[in-house]
Amino acid sequence: MKLKDYINGFPVGRKDNLIYYTRNGETCIRRYELPGKKKKWEIEGRTPKQQEVTARFTAVQSFYKEYMKQVSPDIWRTAAKAHGKMAPNLFYTTNFHCFDGQSKIVDFEEFKFSTGRLALPRDLQVTREGNRFHVSWQEERDWSTAARTDVMQVGLLYDNLTRSPRLALEVKGCRGDLRGEFTLDESIGQSAHVYIFFAGVNQSGFSPSWHVHVE
């Protein structure tokens, strides 16, 4: 197939073993693969590094599916739409480095439970009183990305169920209150990785998350 030059100047088609095509106004190139020809890894087997990458990808993919069911289908979709991306891809590129080759989360502090255009308040702190956790913060802003009506949300990864993300029970607090509170489901566990974030009215937007471990 010969290359075709359209009015916008982008080449499209195949030349030798390369295929030229356009995506979002940019020229992209990929190799042409012969039908039925086995890839190198199919002949020689995957290397340990390739196996680790595959295991990590599978782990993140499985975690995201659980997140969609247990937490929310909207958080990562909203953020991805703003960047012209697919939600699973954004979740993967953001969090894949937090998983290891054995399909486990190993970096809870860097893991992003949520993301989005809203701002996090300053100086977030969590204290415990009995079975209730109190959250406080500082906030003098009142912008489109930091409205007083933004609602506090609490994501959880219980220590004994780190592959099962969920939201905390009995969450109270708006950005303008400068404080909030939540509880754990003690039938599941009494210690967990906590991810504080904020949601706009009617789930119109979300903030990145802030991590703390409680026990």
N, C-alpha and C. Protein backbone atom coordinates (compact mmCIF):
# COMPACT_ATOMS: atom_id res chain seq x y z
N MET A 1 0.85 -1.20 0.00
CA MET A 1 0.00 0.00 0.00
C MET A 1 0.88 1.24 0.00
N LYS A 2 0.60 2.16 -0.87
CA LYS A 2 1.37 3.39 -0.93
C LYS A 2 0.86 4.39 0.10
N LEU A 3 1.75 5.26 0.55
CA LEU A 3 1.35 6.30 1.48
C LEU A 3 0.53 7.35 0.76
N LYS A 4 -0.48 7.83 1.42
CA LYS A 4 -1.33 8.87 0.85
C LYS A 4 -1.15 10.15 1.65
N ASP A 5 -0.96 11.26 0.99
CA ASP A 5 -0.82 12.55 1.66
C ASP A 5 -2.12 13.32 1.50
N TYR A 6 -2.83 13.46 2.61
CA TYR A 6 -4.08 14.20 2.57
C TYR A 6 -3.81 15.70 2.68
N ILE A 7 -4.85 16.47 2.58
CA ILE A 7 -4.71 17.93 2.59
C ILE A 7 -3.99 18.41 3.84
N ASN A 8 -4.24 17.74 4.98
CA ASN A 8 -3.60 18.18 6.22
C ASN A 8 -2.15 17.72 6.33
N GLY A 9 -1.69 16.97 5.34
CA GLY A 9 -0.28 16.62 5.31
C GLY A 9 0.12 15.39 6.08
N PHE A 10 -0.87 14.64 6.64
CA PHE A 10 -0.54 13.46 7.42
C PHE A 10 -0.48 12.23 6.52
N PRO A 11 0.62 11.48 6.53
CA PRO A 11 0.70 10.26 5.73
C PRO A 11 -0.12 9.15 6.37
N VAL A 12 -0.81 8.38 5.56
CA VAL A 12 -1.63 7.27 6.04
C VAL A 12 -1.39 6.07 5.14
N GLY A 13 -1.13 4.91 5.73
CA GLY A 13 -0.95 3.71 4.94
C GLY A 13 0.27 2.93 5.36
N ARG A 14 0.66 1.94 4.54
CA ARG A 14 1.77 1.06 4.86
C ARG A 14 2.93 1.30 3.91
N LYS A 15 4.13 1.30 4.48
CA LYS A 15 5.35 1.36 3.69
C LYS A 15 6.34 0.38 4.29
N ASP A 16 6.73 -0.61 3.49
CA ASP A 16 7.57 -1.70 3.98
C ASP A 16 6.88 -2.38 5.16
N ASN A 17 7.54 -2.44 6.33
CA ASN A 17 6.92 -3.11 7.47
C ASN A 17 6.39 -2.11 8.50
N LEU A 18 6.16 -0.86 8.07
CA LEU A 18 5.63 0.17 8.96
C LEU A 18 4.27 0.64 8.49
N ILE A 19 3.38 0.90 9.42
CA ILE A 19 2.05 1.41 9.12
C ILE A 19 1.94 2.80 9.73
N TYR A 20 1.55 3.77 8.90
CA TYR A 20 1.37 5.16 9.33
C TYR A 20 -0.12 5.43 9.47
N TYR A 21 -0.49 6.09 10.57
CA TYR A 21 -1.89 6.45 10.78
C TYR A 21 -1.95 7.69 11.67
N THR A 22 -3.12 8.31 11.74
CA THR A 22 -3.27 9.52 12.55
C THR A 22 -4.16 9.25 13.75
N ARG A 23 -3.83 9.92 14.86
CA ARG A 23 -4.64 9.84 16.07
C ARG A 23 -4.60 11.21 16.74
N ASN A 24 -5.77 11.79 16.92
CA ASN A 24 -5.88 13.13 17.53
C ASN A 24 -5.00 14.16 16.81
N GLY A 25 -4.95 14.04 15.49
CA GLY A 25 -4.22 15.02 14.70
C GLY A 25 -2.72 14.80 14.65
N GLU A 26 -2.23 13.68 15.19
CA GLU A 26 -0.80 13.42 15.18
C GLU A 26 -0.50 12.15 14.40
N THR A 27 0.64 12.13 13.74
CA THR A 27 1.04 10.95 12.98
C THR A 27 1.63 9.91 13.92
N CYS A 28 1.13 8.67 13.80
CA CYS A 28 1.62 7.56 14.61
C CYS A 28 2.15 6.46 13.70
N ILE A 29 3.08 5.67 14.21
CA ILE A 29 3.69 4.60 13.43
C ILE A 29 3.70 3.32 14.25
N ARG A 30 3.36 2.21 13.62
CA ARG A 30 3.49 0.90 14.27
C ARG A 30 3.99 -0.11 13.25
N ARG A 31 4.56 -1.18 13.75
CA ARG A 31 5.08 -2.22 12.87
C ARG A 31 3.95 -3.07 12.30
N TYR A 32 4.11 -3.49 11.08
CA TYR A 32 3.15 -4.40 10.45
C TYR A 32 3.50 -5.82 10.86
N GLU A 33 2.52 -6.55 11.37
CA GLU A 33 2.74 -7.91 11.81
C GLU A 33 2.16 -8.88 10.80
N LEU A 34 2.97 -9.84 10.39
CA LEU A 34 2.52 -10.84 9.43
C LEU A 34 1.52 -11.78 10.09
N PRO A 35 0.36 -12.01 9.45
CA PRO A 35 -0.64 -12.92 10.03
C PRO A 35 -0.04 -14.30 10.27
N GLY A 36 -0.27 -14.84 11.46
CA GLY A 36 0.21 -16.17 11.77
C GLY A 36 1.64 -16.24 12.24
N LYS A 37 2.39 -15.14 12.13
CA LYS A 37 3.77 -15.15 12.56
C LYS A 37 3.83 -15.03 14.08
N LYS A 38 4.56 -15.93 14.71
CA LYS A 38 4.65 -15.92 16.17
C LYS A 38 5.57 -14.80 16.64
N LYS A 39 5.19 -14.19 17.75
CA LYS A 39 6.03 -13.18 18.35
C LYS A 39 7.21 -13.85 19.05
N LYS A 40 8.24 -13.05 19.30
CA LYS A 40 9.46 -13.58 19.90
C LYS A 40 9.19 -14.23 21.24
N TRP A 41 8.33 -13.59 22.06
CA TRP A 41 8.06 -14.14 23.38
C TRP A 41 7.28 -15.44 23.32
N GLU A 42 6.50 -15.63 22.23
CA GLU A 42 5.76 -16.87 22.07
C GLU A 42 6.70 -18.03 21.76
N ILE A 43 7.82 -17.72 21.14
CA ILE A 43 8.80 -18.75 20.78
C ILE A 43 9.74 -19.03 21.94
N GLU A 44 10.27 -17.97 22.55
CA GLU A 44 11.28 -18.11 23.58
C GLU A 44 10.73 -18.12 25.00
N GLY A 45 9.45 -17.73 25.16
CA GLY A 45 8.87 -17.62 26.49
C GLY A 45 9.11 -16.24 27.07
N ARG A 46 8.27 -15.85 28.00
CA ARG A 46 8.39 -14.52 28.60
C ARG A 46 9.56 -14.48 29.57
N THR A 47 10.24 -13.35 29.60
CA THR A 47 11.32 -13.14 30.55
C THR A 47 10.72 -12.87 31.93
N PRO A 48 11.50 -13.01 33.01
CA PRO A 48 10.99 -12.68 34.36
C PRO A 48 10.41 -11.27 34.43
N LYS A 49 11.05 -10.32 33.75
CA LYS A 49 10.56 -8.94 33.76
C LYS A 49 9.21 -8.85 33.08
N GLN A 50 9.04 -9.54 31.95
CA GLN A 50 7.77 -9.53 31.25
C GLN A 50 6.68 -10.19 32.10
N GLN A 51 7.04 -11.26 32.79
CA GLN A 51 6.08 -11.93 33.66
C GLN A 51 5.63 -11.02 34.79
N GLU A 52 6.58 -10.25 35.34
CA GLU A 52 6.25 -9.32 36.42
C GLU A 52 5.31 -8.22 35.94
N VAL A 53 5.60 -7.69 34.74
CA VAL A 53 4.75 -6.64 34.17
C VAL A 53 3.34 -7.18 33.93
N THR A 54 3.24 -8.41 33.43
CA THR A 54 1.93 -9.02 33.18
C THR A 54 1.17 -9.22 34.48
N ALA A 55 1.87 -9.70 35.52
CA ALA A 55 1.23 -9.91 36.82
C ALA A 55 0.76 -8.59 37.41
N ARG A 56 1.57 -7.56 37.26
CA ARG A 56 1.20 -6.25 37.79
C ARG A 56 -0.01 -5.69 37.05
N PHE A 57 -0.01 -5.83 35.73
CA PHE A 57 -1.14 -5.35 34.94
C PHE A 57 -2.43 -6.07 35.34
N THR A 58 -2.34 -7.39 35.51
CA THR A 58 -3.51 -8.17 35.91
C THR A 58 -4.01 -7.75 37.28
N ALA A 59 -3.08 -7.48 38.20
CA ALA A 59 -3.45 -7.07 39.56
C ALA A 59 -4.18 -5.73 39.55
N VAL A 60 -3.65 -4.77 38.81
CA VAL A 60 -4.27 -3.45 38.76
C VAL A 60 -5.63 -3.53 38.08
N GLN A 61 -5.72 -4.30 37.02
CA GLN A 61 -6.98 -4.47 36.31
C GLN A 61 -8.04 -5.08 37.22
N SER A 62 -7.66 -6.11 37.98
CA SER A 62 -8.59 -6.76 38.90
C SER A 62 -9.02 -5.81 40.01
N PHE A 63 -8.06 -5.03 40.53
CA PHE A 63 -8.36 -4.07 41.59
C PHE A 63 -9.34 -3.01 41.08
N TYR A 64 -9.12 -2.53 39.87
CA TYR A 64 -9.99 -1.48 39.32
C TYR A 64 -11.43 -1.98 39.15
N LYS A 65 -11.59 -3.22 38.72
CA LYS A 65 -12.93 -3.79 38.57
C LYS A 65 -13.64 -3.84 39.92
N GLU A 66 -12.90 -4.22 40.96
CA GLU A 66 -13.47 -4.26 42.30
C GLU A 66 -13.82 -2.84 42.77
N TYR A 67 -12.96 -1.90 42.46
CA TYR A 67 -13.18 -0.49 42.81
C TYR A 67 -14.48 0.02 42.17
N MET A 68 -14.68 -0.31 40.92
CA MET A 68 -15.89 0.13 40.21
C MET A 68 -17.15 -0.37 40.89
N LYS A 69 -17.12 -1.58 41.43
CA LYS A 69 -18.29 -2.16 42.07
C LYS A 69 -18.48 -1.67 43.50
N GLN A 70 -17.38 -1.60 44.26
CA GLN A 70 -17.47 -1.31 45.70
C GLN A 70 -17.46 0.17 46.03
N VAL A 71 -16.79 0.97 45.20
CA VAL A 71 -16.60 2.39 45.53
C VAL A 71 -17.42 3.30 44.63
N SER A 72 -16.99 3.43 43.37
CA SER A 72 -17.69 4.35 42.47
C SER A 72 -17.22 4.13 41.03
N PRO A 73 -18.14 4.18 40.06
CA PRO A 73 -17.75 4.13 38.66
C PRO A 73 -17.44 5.52 38.10
N ASP A 74 -17.67 6.56 38.90
CA ASP A 74 -17.60 7.93 38.39
C ASP A 74 -16.27 8.64 38.62
N ILE A 75 -15.57 8.32 39.70
CA ILE A 75 -14.38 9.09 40.09
C ILE A 75 -13.33 9.10 38.98
N TRP A 76 -12.90 7.93 38.55
CA TRP A 76 -11.84 7.87 37.54
C TRP A 76 -12.37 8.17 36.14
N ARG A 77 -13.65 7.91 35.89
CA ARG A 77 -14.24 8.29 34.60
C ARG A 77 -14.25 9.80 34.43
N THR A 78 -14.61 10.51 35.50
CA THR A 78 -14.67 11.97 35.44
C THR A 78 -13.29 12.55 35.18
N ALA A 79 -12.28 12.04 35.88
CA ALA A 79 -10.92 12.54 35.69
C ALA A 79 -10.40 12.20 34.30
N ALA A 80 -10.67 10.99 33.84
CA ALA A 80 -10.17 10.55 32.53
C ALA A 80 -10.81 11.37 31.41
N LYS A 81 -12.09 11.66 31.54
CA LYS A 81 -12.78 12.43 30.51
C LYS A 81 -12.16 13.81 30.34
N ALA A 82 -11.74 14.41 31.44
CA ALA A 82 -11.13 15.75 31.39
C ALA A 82 -9.80 15.73 30.64
N HIS A 83 -9.14 14.56 30.60
CA HIS A 83 -7.85 14.44 29.93
C HIS A 83 -7.95 13.71 28.60
N GLY A 84 -9.17 13.39 28.18
CA GLY A 84 -9.35 12.67 26.93
C GLY A 84 -8.80 11.27 26.97
N LYS A 85 -8.89 10.61 28.14
CA LYS A 85 -8.35 9.26 28.29
C LYS A 85 -9.45 8.29 28.70
N MET A 86 -9.11 7.00 28.71
CA MET A 86 -10.01 5.97 29.22
C MET A 86 -9.73 5.79 30.70
N ALA A 87 -10.80 5.62 31.50
CA ALA A 87 -10.65 5.53 32.95
C ALA A 87 -9.72 4.39 33.40
N PRO A 88 -9.84 3.17 32.87
CA PRO A 88 -8.93 2.10 33.32
C PRO A 88 -7.47 2.42 33.01
N ASN A 89 -7.22 3.08 31.86
CA ASN A 89 -5.86 3.43 31.50
C ASN A 89 -5.28 4.47 32.45
N LEU A 90 -6.10 5.47 32.82
CA LEU A 90 -5.63 6.50 33.74
C LEU A 90 -5.34 5.89 35.11
N PHE A 91 -6.21 5.01 35.56
CA PHE A 91 -6.00 4.35 36.85
C PHE A 91 -4.71 3.54 36.82
N TYR A 92 -4.46 2.85 35.72
CA TYR A 92 -3.26 2.02 35.61
C TYR A 92 -2.00 2.86 35.61
N THR A 93 -1.95 3.89 34.78
CA THR A 93 -0.73 4.70 34.70
C THR A 93 -0.47 5.44 36.00
N THR A 94 -1.52 5.74 36.75
CA THR A 94 -1.36 6.45 38.03
C THR A 94 -0.87 5.52 39.13
N ASN A 95 -1.34 4.27 39.13
CA ASN A 95 -1.12 3.40 40.28
C ASN A 95 -0.32 2.13 40.04
N PHE A 96 0.07 1.84 38.80
CA PHE A 96 0.71 0.55 38.54
C PHE A 96 1.98 0.35 39.37
N HIS A 97 2.72 1.44 39.63
CA HIS A 97 3.99 1.32 40.37
C HIS A 97 3.76 0.99 41.84
N CYS A 98 2.52 1.05 42.31
CA CYS A 98 2.23 0.74 43.71
C CYS A 98 1.99 -0.75 43.93
N PHE A 99 1.95 -1.53 42.85
CA PHE A 99 1.75 -2.97 42.93
C PHE A 99 3.06 -3.69 42.63
N ASP A 100 3.20 -4.91 43.16
CA ASP A 100 4.39 -5.68 42.86
C ASP A 100 4.05 -6.82 41.90
N GLY A 101 5.05 -7.63 41.59
CA GLY A 101 4.86 -8.73 40.66
C GLY A 101 4.05 -9.88 41.21
N GLN A 102 3.73 -9.83 42.51
CA GLN A 102 2.90 -10.86 43.13
C GLN A 102 1.46 -10.38 43.32
N SER A 103 1.09 -9.34 42.59
CA SER A 103 -0.29 -8.84 42.57
C SER A 103 -0.72 -8.19 43.88
N LYS A 104 0.23 -7.65 44.65
CA LYS A 104 -0.10 -7.00 45.92
C LYS A 104 0.28 -5.53 45.89
N ILE A 105 -0.49 -4.70 46.61
CA ILE A 105 -0.13 -3.29 46.78
C ILE A 105 1.03 -3.23 47.78
N VAL A 106 2.08 -2.56 47.41
CA VAL A 106 3.25 -2.46 48.29
C VAL A 106 3.56 -1.01 48.69
N ASP A 107 2.94 -0.06 48.02
CA ASP A 107 3.17 1.35 48.35
C ASP A 107 1.82 2.02 48.58
N PHE A 108 1.34 1.92 49.81
CA PHE A 108 0.03 2.46 50.14
C PHE A 108 0.04 3.98 50.20
N GLU A 109 1.16 4.56 50.57
CA GLU A 109 1.22 6.01 50.69
C GLU A 109 1.12 6.70 49.34
N GLU A 110 1.76 6.13 48.32
CA GLU A 110 1.72 6.73 46.99
C GLU A 110 0.49 6.34 46.19
N PHE A 111 -0.22 5.30 46.63
CA PHE A 111 -1.42 4.86 45.92
C PHE A 111 -2.47 5.97 45.94
N LYS A 112 -3.09 6.23 44.79
CA LYS A 112 -4.11 7.27 44.67
C LYS A 112 -5.48 6.62 44.60
N PHE A 113 -6.23 6.76 45.69
CA PHE A 113 -7.58 6.20 45.75
C PHE A 113 -8.52 6.97 44.84
N SER A 114 -8.25 8.26 44.69
CA SER A 114 -9.07 9.11 43.82
C SER A 114 -8.18 10.16 43.16
N THR A 115 -8.73 10.82 42.18
CA THR A 115 -8.02 11.91 41.52
C THR A 115 -9.06 12.83 40.90
N GLY A 116 -8.63 14.02 40.50
CA GLY A 116 -9.58 14.94 39.89
C GLY A 116 -9.15 16.38 40.00
N ARG A 117 -10.04 17.26 39.59
CA ARG A 117 -9.72 18.69 39.48
C ARG A 117 -9.87 19.44 40.80
N LEU A 118 -10.58 18.89 41.79
CA LEU A 118 -10.78 19.60 43.05
C LEU A 118 -9.49 19.60 43.87
N ALA A 119 -9.33 20.63 44.68
CA ALA A 119 -8.13 20.75 45.53
C ALA A 119 -8.36 20.07 46.87
N LEU A 120 -7.30 19.52 47.42
CA LEU A 120 -7.35 18.99 48.79
C LEU A 120 -7.15 20.13 49.78
N PRO A 121 -7.82 20.10 50.93
CA PRO A 121 -7.55 21.11 51.96
C PRO A 121 -6.12 20.98 52.48
N ARG A 122 -5.68 22.00 53.18
CA ARG A 122 -4.34 22.00 53.74
C ARG A 122 -4.34 21.39 55.15
N ASP A 123 -3.20 20.83 55.53
CA ASP A 123 -2.95 20.36 56.89
C ASP A 123 -4.03 19.38 57.38
N LEU A 124 -4.28 18.35 56.61
CA LEU A 124 -5.23 17.31 57.02
C LEU A 124 -4.66 16.51 58.19
N GLN A 125 -5.49 16.22 59.18
CA GLN A 125 -5.08 15.43 60.34
C GLN A 125 -6.23 14.52 60.75
N VAL A 126 -5.88 13.33 61.26
CA VAL A 126 -6.87 12.37 61.72
C VAL A 126 -6.54 11.95 63.14
N THR A 127 -7.53 12.00 64.03
CA THR A 127 -7.36 11.53 65.41
C THR A 127 -8.48 10.55 65.72
N ARG A 128 -8.22 9.67 66.69
CA ARG A 128 -9.21 8.64 67.05
C ARG A 128 -9.78 8.90 68.43
N GLU A 129 -11.08 8.68 68.56
CA GLU A 129 -11.76 8.78 69.85
C GLU A 129 -12.75 7.63 69.94
N GLY A 130 -12.37 6.58 70.66
CA GLY A 130 -13.20 5.38 70.70
C GLY A 130 -13.22 4.72 69.33
N ASN A 131 -14.43 4.47 68.82
CA ASN A 131 -14.53 3.85 67.50
C ASN A 131 -14.77 4.89 66.39
N ARG A 132 -14.63 6.17 66.74
CA ARG A 132 -14.83 7.23 65.75
C ARG A 132 -13.50 7.92 65.44
N PHE A 133 -13.37 8.33 64.20
CA PHE A 133 -12.18 9.05 63.75
C PHE A 133 -12.57 10.47 63.36
N HIS A 134 -11.83 11.43 63.89
CA HIS A 134 -12.10 12.84 63.61
C HIS A 134 -11.05 13.37 62.63
N VAL A 135 -11.52 14.08 61.63
CA VAL A 135 -10.65 14.66 60.61
C VAL A 135 -10.73 16.17 60.69
N SER A 136 -9.59 16.84 60.63
CA SER A 136 -9.58 18.31 60.63
C SER A 136 -8.66 18.80 59.52
N TRP A 137 -8.86 20.05 59.11
CA TRP A 137 -8.04 20.64 58.04
C TRP A 137 -8.15 22.15 58.07
N GLN A 138 -7.32 22.81 57.29
CA GLN A 138 -7.38 24.26 57.14
C GLN A 138 -7.81 24.58 55.71
N GLU A 139 -8.64 25.60 55.57
CA GLU A 139 -9.12 25.94 54.24
C GLU A 139 -9.68 27.36 54.22
N GLU A 140 -8.98 28.28 53.54
CA GLU A 140 -9.48 29.64 53.40
C GLU A 140 -9.93 29.93 51.97
N ARG A 141 -9.75 28.96 51.09
CA ARG A 141 -10.13 29.16 49.69
C ARG A 141 -11.62 28.93 49.49
N ASP A 142 -12.19 29.57 48.50
CA ASP A 142 -13.57 29.31 48.08
C ASP A 142 -13.61 29.51 46.58
N TRP A 143 -13.03 28.57 45.87
CA TRP A 143 -12.92 28.63 44.42
C TRP A 143 -13.81 27.56 43.79
N SER A 144 -13.77 27.51 42.46
CA SER A 144 -14.50 26.45 41.77
C SER A 144 -13.88 25.09 42.06
N THR A 145 -12.60 25.09 42.44
CA THR A 145 -11.93 23.83 42.78
C THR A 145 -11.85 23.61 44.29
N ALA A 146 -12.46 24.47 45.07
CA ALA A 146 -12.41 24.33 46.52
C ALA A 146 -13.63 25.02 47.14
N ALA A 147 -14.82 24.51 46.82
CA ALA A 147 -16.05 25.11 47.32
C ALA A 147 -16.36 24.63 48.74
N ARG A 148 -16.96 25.49 49.53
CA ARG A 148 -17.29 25.14 50.91
C ARG A 148 -18.24 23.95 50.98
N THR A 149 -19.01 23.71 49.91
CA THR A 149 -20.00 22.64 49.92
C THR A 149 -19.42 21.28 49.52
N ASP A 150 -18.14 21.22 49.15
CA ASP A 150 -17.54 19.93 48.80
C ASP A 150 -17.64 18.97 49.98
N VAL A 151 -18.03 17.75 49.70
CA VAL A 151 -18.29 16.76 50.75
C VAL A 151 -17.07 15.87 50.96
N MET A 152 -16.71 15.64 52.22
CA MET A 152 -15.60 14.74 52.52
C MET A 152 -16.00 13.30 52.23
N GLN A 153 -15.10 12.56 51.62
CA GLN A 153 -15.27 11.13 51.35
C GLN A 153 -14.08 10.39 51.97
N VAL A 154 -14.29 9.14 52.33
CA VAL A 154 -13.23 8.35 52.96
C VAL A 154 -13.15 6.98 52.31
N GLY A 155 -12.05 6.75 51.59
CA GLY A 155 -11.80 5.43 51.02
C GLY A 155 -10.99 4.59 51.97
N LEU A 156 -11.21 3.28 51.93
CA LEU A 156 -10.54 2.38 52.87
C LEU A 156 -9.96 1.15 52.18
N LEU A 157 -8.78 0.77 52.66
CA LEU A 157 -8.20 -0.54 52.36
C LEU A 157 -7.90 -1.17 53.71
N TYR A 158 -8.78 -2.04 54.19
CA TYR A 158 -8.56 -2.70 55.47
C TYR A 158 -7.29 -3.55 55.39
N ASP A 159 -6.55 -3.61 56.50
CA ASP A 159 -5.28 -4.32 56.51
C ASP A 159 -5.42 -5.79 56.10
N ASN A 160 -6.56 -6.39 56.42
CA ASN A 160 -6.77 -7.80 56.09
C ASN A 160 -7.51 -7.98 54.76
N LEU A 161 -7.81 -6.86 54.08
CA LEU A 161 -8.51 -6.93 52.80
C LEU A 161 -7.99 -5.83 51.87
N THR A 162 -6.70 -5.84 51.63
CA THR A 162 -6.11 -4.74 50.85
C THR A 162 -6.49 -4.78 49.37
N ARG A 163 -7.07 -5.86 48.91
CA ARG A 163 -7.50 -5.94 47.51
C ARG A 163 -8.97 -5.61 47.34
N SER A 164 -9.61 -5.19 48.43
CA SER A 164 -11.05 -4.92 48.39
C SER A 164 -11.33 -3.48 48.83
N PRO A 165 -11.22 -2.51 47.92
CA PRO A 165 -11.45 -1.11 48.28
C PRO A 165 -12.92 -0.86 48.59
N ARG A 166 -13.16 0.07 49.50
CA ARG A 166 -14.54 0.41 49.86
C ARG A 166 -14.56 1.78 50.51
N LEU A 167 -15.76 2.29 50.76
CA LEU A 167 -15.92 3.58 51.42
C LEU A 167 -16.26 3.39 52.89
N ALA A 168 -15.85 4.36 53.72
CA ALA A 168 -16.10 4.27 55.16
C ALA A 168 -17.57 4.50 55.47
N LEU A 169 -17.97 4.05 56.66
CA LEU A 169 -19.34 4.22 57.13
C LEU A 169 -19.51 5.55 57.85
N GLU A 170 -20.72 6.05 57.86
CA GLU A 170 -21.10 7.21 58.67
C GLU A 170 -20.13 8.38 58.50
N VAL A 171 -19.86 8.77 57.27
CA VAL A 171 -18.96 9.88 57.00
C VAL A 171 -19.73 11.20 57.10
N LYS A 172 -19.16 12.17 57.83
CA LYS A 172 -19.77 13.49 57.98
C LYS A 172 -18.71 14.56 57.72
N GLY A 173 -19.13 15.68 57.16
CA GLY A 173 -18.22 16.80 57.01
C GLY A 173 -18.17 17.36 55.61
N CYS A 174 -18.18 18.71 55.52
CA CYS A 174 -17.99 19.43 54.26
C CYS A 174 -16.73 20.28 54.38
N ARG A 175 -16.21 20.70 53.25
CA ARG A 175 -14.98 21.49 53.25
C ARG A 175 -15.10 22.71 54.16
N GLY A 176 -16.24 23.39 54.10
CA GLY A 176 -16.43 24.60 54.88
C GLY A 176 -16.53 24.37 56.37
N ASP A 177 -16.77 23.12 56.80
CA ASP A 177 -16.87 22.82 58.23
C ASP A 177 -15.49 22.79 58.91
N LEU A 178 -14.45 22.56 58.11
CA LEU A 178 -13.07 22.42 58.62
C LEU A 178 -12.90 21.20 59.50
N ARG A 179 -13.87 20.31 59.48
CA ARG A 179 -13.76 19.07 60.26
C ARG A 179 -14.78 18.05 59.74
N GLY A 180 -14.51 16.81 60.04
CA GLY A 180 -15.43 15.73 59.67
C GLY A 180 -15.13 14.52 60.52
N GLU A 181 -15.88 13.44 60.29
CA GLU A 181 -15.64 12.22 61.05
C GLU A 181 -16.13 11.01 60.27
N PHE A 182 -15.62 9.84 60.66
CA PHE A 182 -16.03 8.60 60.01
C PHE A 182 -15.77 7.44 60.97
N THR A 183 -16.29 6.27 60.64
CA THR A 183 -16.05 5.06 61.42
C THR A 183 -15.61 3.94 60.49
N LEU A 184 -14.96 2.95 61.09
CA LEU A 184 -14.63 1.73 60.36
C LEU A 184 -15.72 0.70 60.62
N ASP A 185 -15.83 -0.26 59.72
CA ASP A 185 -16.73 -1.39 59.94
C ASP A 185 -15.93 -2.42 60.74
N GLU A 186 -16.14 -2.45 62.08
CA GLU A 186 -15.32 -3.30 62.94
C GLU A 186 -15.58 -4.78 62.72
N SER A 187 -16.65 -5.12 61.99
CA SER A 187 -16.87 -6.52 61.65
C SER A 187 -15.87 -6.97 60.59
N ILE A 188 -15.25 -6.00 59.90
CA ILE A 188 -14.22 -6.30 58.90
C ILE A 188 -12.83 -6.17 59.51
N GLY A 189 -12.60 -5.07 60.24
CA GLY A 189 -11.29 -4.85 60.84
C GLY A 189 -11.22 -3.53 61.57
N GLN A 190 -10.22 -3.38 62.42
CA GLN A 190 -10.06 -2.17 63.20
C GLN A 190 -8.84 -1.35 62.79
N SER A 191 -8.16 -1.77 61.75
CA SER A 191 -7.03 -1.01 61.22
C SER A 191 -7.12 -1.00 59.70
N ALA A 192 -6.71 0.14 59.13
CA ALA A 192 -6.87 0.27 57.68
C ALA A 192 -6.05 1.43 57.15
N HIS A 193 -5.80 1.38 55.85
CA HIS A 193 -5.23 2.51 55.14
C HIS A 193 -6.40 3.40 54.74
N VAL A 194 -6.34 4.66 55.16
CA VAL A 194 -7.44 5.61 54.96
C VAL A 194 -7.04 6.61 53.88
N TYR A 195 -7.98 6.91 53.00
CA TYR A 195 -7.75 7.86 51.91
C TYR A 195 -8.85 8.92 51.94
N ILE A 196 -8.49 10.11 52.44
CA ILE A 196 -9.44 11.22 52.51
C ILE A 196 -9.45 11.95 51.17
N PHE A 197 -10.64 12.22 50.64
CA PHE A 197 -10.77 13.04 49.44
C PHE A 197 -12.11 13.77 49.48
N PHE A 198 -12.33 14.65 48.53
CA PHE A 198 -13.55 15.46 48.52
C PHE A 198 -14.28 15.35 47.19
N ALA A 199 -15.61 15.43 47.28
CA ALA A 199 -16.46 15.35 46.09
C ALA A 199 -17.32 16.59 46.00
N GLY A 200 -17.49 17.10 44.79
CA GLY A 200 -18.34 18.27 44.58
C GLY A 200 -19.81 17.90 44.71
N VAL A 201 -20.66 18.90 44.77
CA VAL A 201 -22.10 18.68 44.86
C VAL A 201 -22.55 17.83 43.68
N ASN A 202 -23.38 16.82 43.97
CA ASN A 202 -23.88 15.89 42.95
C ASN A 202 -22.75 15.15 42.24
N GLN A 203 -21.65 14.93 42.98
CA GLN A 203 -20.52 14.19 42.43
C GLN A 203 -19.98 14.83 41.14
N SER A 204 -20.00 16.16 41.11
CA SER A 204 -19.61 16.90 39.91
C SER A 204 -18.10 16.92 39.69
N GLY A 205 -17.34 16.57 40.69
CA GLY A 205 -15.88 16.55 40.58
C GLY A 205 -15.30 15.93 41.83
N PHE A 206 -14.03 15.56 41.76
CA PHE A 206 -13.38 14.89 42.88
C PHE A 206 -11.97 15.43 43.05
N SER A 207 -11.42 15.24 44.23
CA SER A 207 -10.05 15.67 44.51
C SER A 207 -9.13 14.45 44.54
N PRO A 208 -7.83 14.66 44.47
CA PRO A 208 -6.89 13.58 44.77
C PRO A 208 -7.07 13.15 46.23
N SER A 209 -6.54 12.02 46.58
CA SER A 209 -6.70 11.50 47.95
C SER A 209 -5.47 11.76 48.80
N TRP A 210 -5.67 11.76 50.10
CA TRP A 210 -4.60 11.92 51.09
C TRP A 210 -4.59 10.69 51.99
N HIS A 211 -3.42 10.10 52.22
CA HIS A 211 -3.34 8.81 52.90
C HIS A 211 -2.88 8.92 54.35
N VAL A 212 -3.48 8.09 55.20
CA VAL A 212 -3.00 7.90 56.57
C VAL A 212 -3.38 6.49 56.97
N HIS A 213 -2.57 5.87 57.82
CA HIS A 213 -2.89 4.53 58.33
C HIS A 213 -3.42 4.67 59.75
N VAL A 214 -4.54 4.01 60.06
CA VAL A 214 -5.14 4.09 61.40
C VAL A 214 -5.25 2.68 61.97
N GLU A 215 -5.15 2.63 63.31
CA GLU A 215 -5.29 1.33 64.00
C GLU A 215 -5.66 1.55 65.45
